[in-house]
Amino acid sequence: MISAPVTEASYRPSGQHLIADLYGIAPDKLRDGLKLEALLRAAALAAGAHILFSHFHSFDAGQGITGVVLLAESHITIHTWPEHGYAALDIFICGQAQAEHALQHIKQTLQASHCELNRIQRGQSKV
């Protein structure tokens, strides 16, 4: 089956993907998996998203954390390097939820001194 050509005007982005590098964070804020899980879950709710599941893993004592919060709207992930005061965030949210609200909540709570942010519009859906 051959479909009609798609014009740019007939489609719009259906999700926003934020890739954020957060710097200057106190190391103790990046070592506690339970607190980071609570933070990302709160960030998802601040964005207006619906949480499905979360899983966080702590590496050796005093080392970093990797974690994911699965959302009906997609996901929020974090990877931390306490020894560098650094956290890598990946926030992909579709629908009516607001990825920026999740990012702001995380940045404020972790008190990052600097954020490098890349925004990507993901997917296409008919208007």
Protein backbone atom coordinates (compact mmCIF):
# COMPACT_ATOMS: atom_id res chain seq x y z
CA MET A 1 0.00 0.00 0.00
CA ILE A 2 1.38 3.41 -0.96
CA SER A 3 0.64 6.27 1.39
CA ALA A 4 0.17 9.88 0.50
CA PRO A 5 3.18 12.15 1.00
CA VAL A 6 3.44 13.69 4.41
CA THR A 7 3.83 17.43 4.60
CA GLU A 8 5.53 19.15 7.49
CA ALA A 9 2.44 21.24 8.14
CA SER A 10 0.33 18.13 8.81
CA TYR A 11 2.52 16.88 11.69
CA ARG A 12 3.73 18.21 15.03
CA PRO A 13 6.16 16.90 17.67
CA SER A 14 4.50 14.53 20.12
CA GLY A 15 7.11 14.46 22.85
CA GLN A 16 9.89 16.48 24.39
CA HIS A 17 13.19 14.87 25.28
CA LEU A 18 15.47 16.80 27.64
CA ILE A 19 19.08 15.69 27.98
CA ALA A 20 20.64 17.56 30.91
CA ASP A 21 24.11 17.52 32.44
CA LEU A 22 24.03 18.92 35.98
CA TYR A 23 27.27 20.10 37.60
CA GLY A 24 28.35 21.42 40.98
CA ILE A 25 26.13 19.16 43.08
CA ALA A 26 27.14 18.24 46.64
CA PRO A 27 28.41 14.62 46.47
CA ASP A 28 26.17 13.43 49.35
CA LYS A 29 23.08 14.31 47.24
CA LEU A 30 24.25 11.92 44.52
CA ARG A 31 24.93 8.82 46.65
CA ASP A 32 21.56 8.02 48.21
CA GLY A 33 19.45 5.85 45.92
CA LEU A 34 16.31 6.10 48.04
CA LYS A 35 16.43 9.92 48.09
CA LEU A 36 17.13 10.10 44.36
CA GLU A 37 14.24 7.75 43.64
CA ALA A 38 11.93 9.92 45.75
CA LEU A 39 13.24 13.01 43.94
CA LEU A 40 12.63 11.65 40.43
CA ARG A 41 9.19 10.36 41.40
CA ALA A 42 8.32 13.81 42.81
CA ALA A 43 9.68 15.40 39.61
CA ALA A 44 7.42 13.15 37.51
CA LEU A 45 4.41 14.23 39.55
CA ALA A 46 5.47 17.89 39.27
CA ALA A 47 5.45 17.41 35.50
CA GLY A 48 1.93 15.99 35.60
CA ALA A 49 3.10 12.51 34.54
CA HIS A 50 1.80 9.10 35.66
CA ILE A 51 4.35 6.80 37.30
CA LEU A 52 4.31 3.13 36.31
CA PHE A 53 7.44 1.75 37.99
CA SER A 54 10.86 2.78 39.23
CA HIS A 55 14.14 1.00 39.82
CA PHE A 56 17.40 2.39 41.23
CA HIS A 57 20.78 0.73 41.64
CA SER A 58 23.58 1.87 43.97
CA PHE A 59 27.11 0.97 42.98
CA ASP A 60 29.80 0.27 45.60
CA ALA A 61 29.54 2.22 48.87
CA GLY A 62 29.91 5.93 48.23
CA GLN A 63 29.74 5.50 44.48
CA GLY A 64 27.10 6.64 42.03
CA ILE A 65 23.52 5.69 41.36
CA THR A 66 21.69 4.76 38.19
CA GLY A 67 17.92 4.87 38.14
CA VAL A 68 14.82 5.00 36.02
CA VAL A 69 11.24 6.07 36.60
CA LEU A 70 8.99 4.59 33.92
CA LEU A 71 6.04 6.78 33.06
CA ALA A 72 2.86 6.27 31.10
CA GLU A 73 4.25 9.26 29.16
CA SER A 74 7.78 7.71 28.78
CA HIS A 75 10.65 7.96 31.33
CA ILE A 76 13.05 9.91 33.54
CA THR A 77 16.55 8.51 34.16
CA ILE A 78 19.54 9.61 36.20
CA HIS A 79 23.17 8.51 36.41
CA THR A 80 25.37 10.10 39.09
CA TRP A 81 29.08 10.55 39.66
CA PRO A 82 29.37 11.92 43.23
CA GLU A 83 33.15 12.18 42.99
CA HIS A 84 32.65 14.75 40.22
CA GLY A 85 29.50 16.44 41.57
CA TYR A 86 27.82 15.45 38.30
CA ALA A 87 24.47 13.95 37.29
CA ALA A 88 23.27 13.00 33.80
CA LEU A 89 19.50 13.28 33.31
CA ASP A 90 17.29 12.01 30.53
CA ILE A 91 13.68 13.22 30.63
CA PHE A 92 11.41 12.06 27.80
CA ILE A 93 7.77 12.99 28.25
CA CYS A 94 4.88 12.82 25.78
CA GLY A 95 1.33 14.07 26.00
CA GLN A 96 0.22 16.90 28.26
CA ALA A 97 2.90 16.42 30.95
CA GLN A 98 5.62 19.09 31.11
CA ALA A 99 9.24 17.85 30.96
CA GLU A 100 10.53 21.31 31.94
CA HIS A 101 8.68 21.13 35.27
CA ALA A 102 10.43 17.84 36.09
CA LEU A 103 13.82 19.30 35.21
CA GLN A 104 13.27 22.43 37.30
CA HIS A 105 12.25 20.34 40.31
CA ILE A 106 15.38 18.17 40.03
CA LYS A 107 17.75 21.12 39.48
CA GLN A 108 16.35 23.03 42.46
CA THR A 109 16.43 20.05 44.80
CA LEU A 110 19.98 19.00 43.85
CA GLN A 111 21.10 22.65 43.87
CA ALA A 112 23.15 22.23 40.71
CA SER A 113 25.43 25.19 40.03
CA HIS A 114 25.34 24.67 36.25
CA CYS A 115 23.13 22.87 33.72
CA GLU A 116 23.88 22.08 30.10
CA LEU A 117 20.62 21.25 28.34
CA ASN A 118 19.72 19.77 24.97
CA ARG A 119 16.06 19.75 23.87
CA ILE A 120 14.85 17.32 21.25
CA GLN A 121 11.33 17.22 19.81
CA ARG A 122 10.46 13.52 19.39
CA GLY A 123 7.97 11.72 17.22
CA GLN A 124 5.33 13.01 14.93
CA SER A 125 1.59 12.79 15.22
CA LYS A 126 -1.13 13.98 12.88
CA VAL A 127 -2.71 17.31 13.74
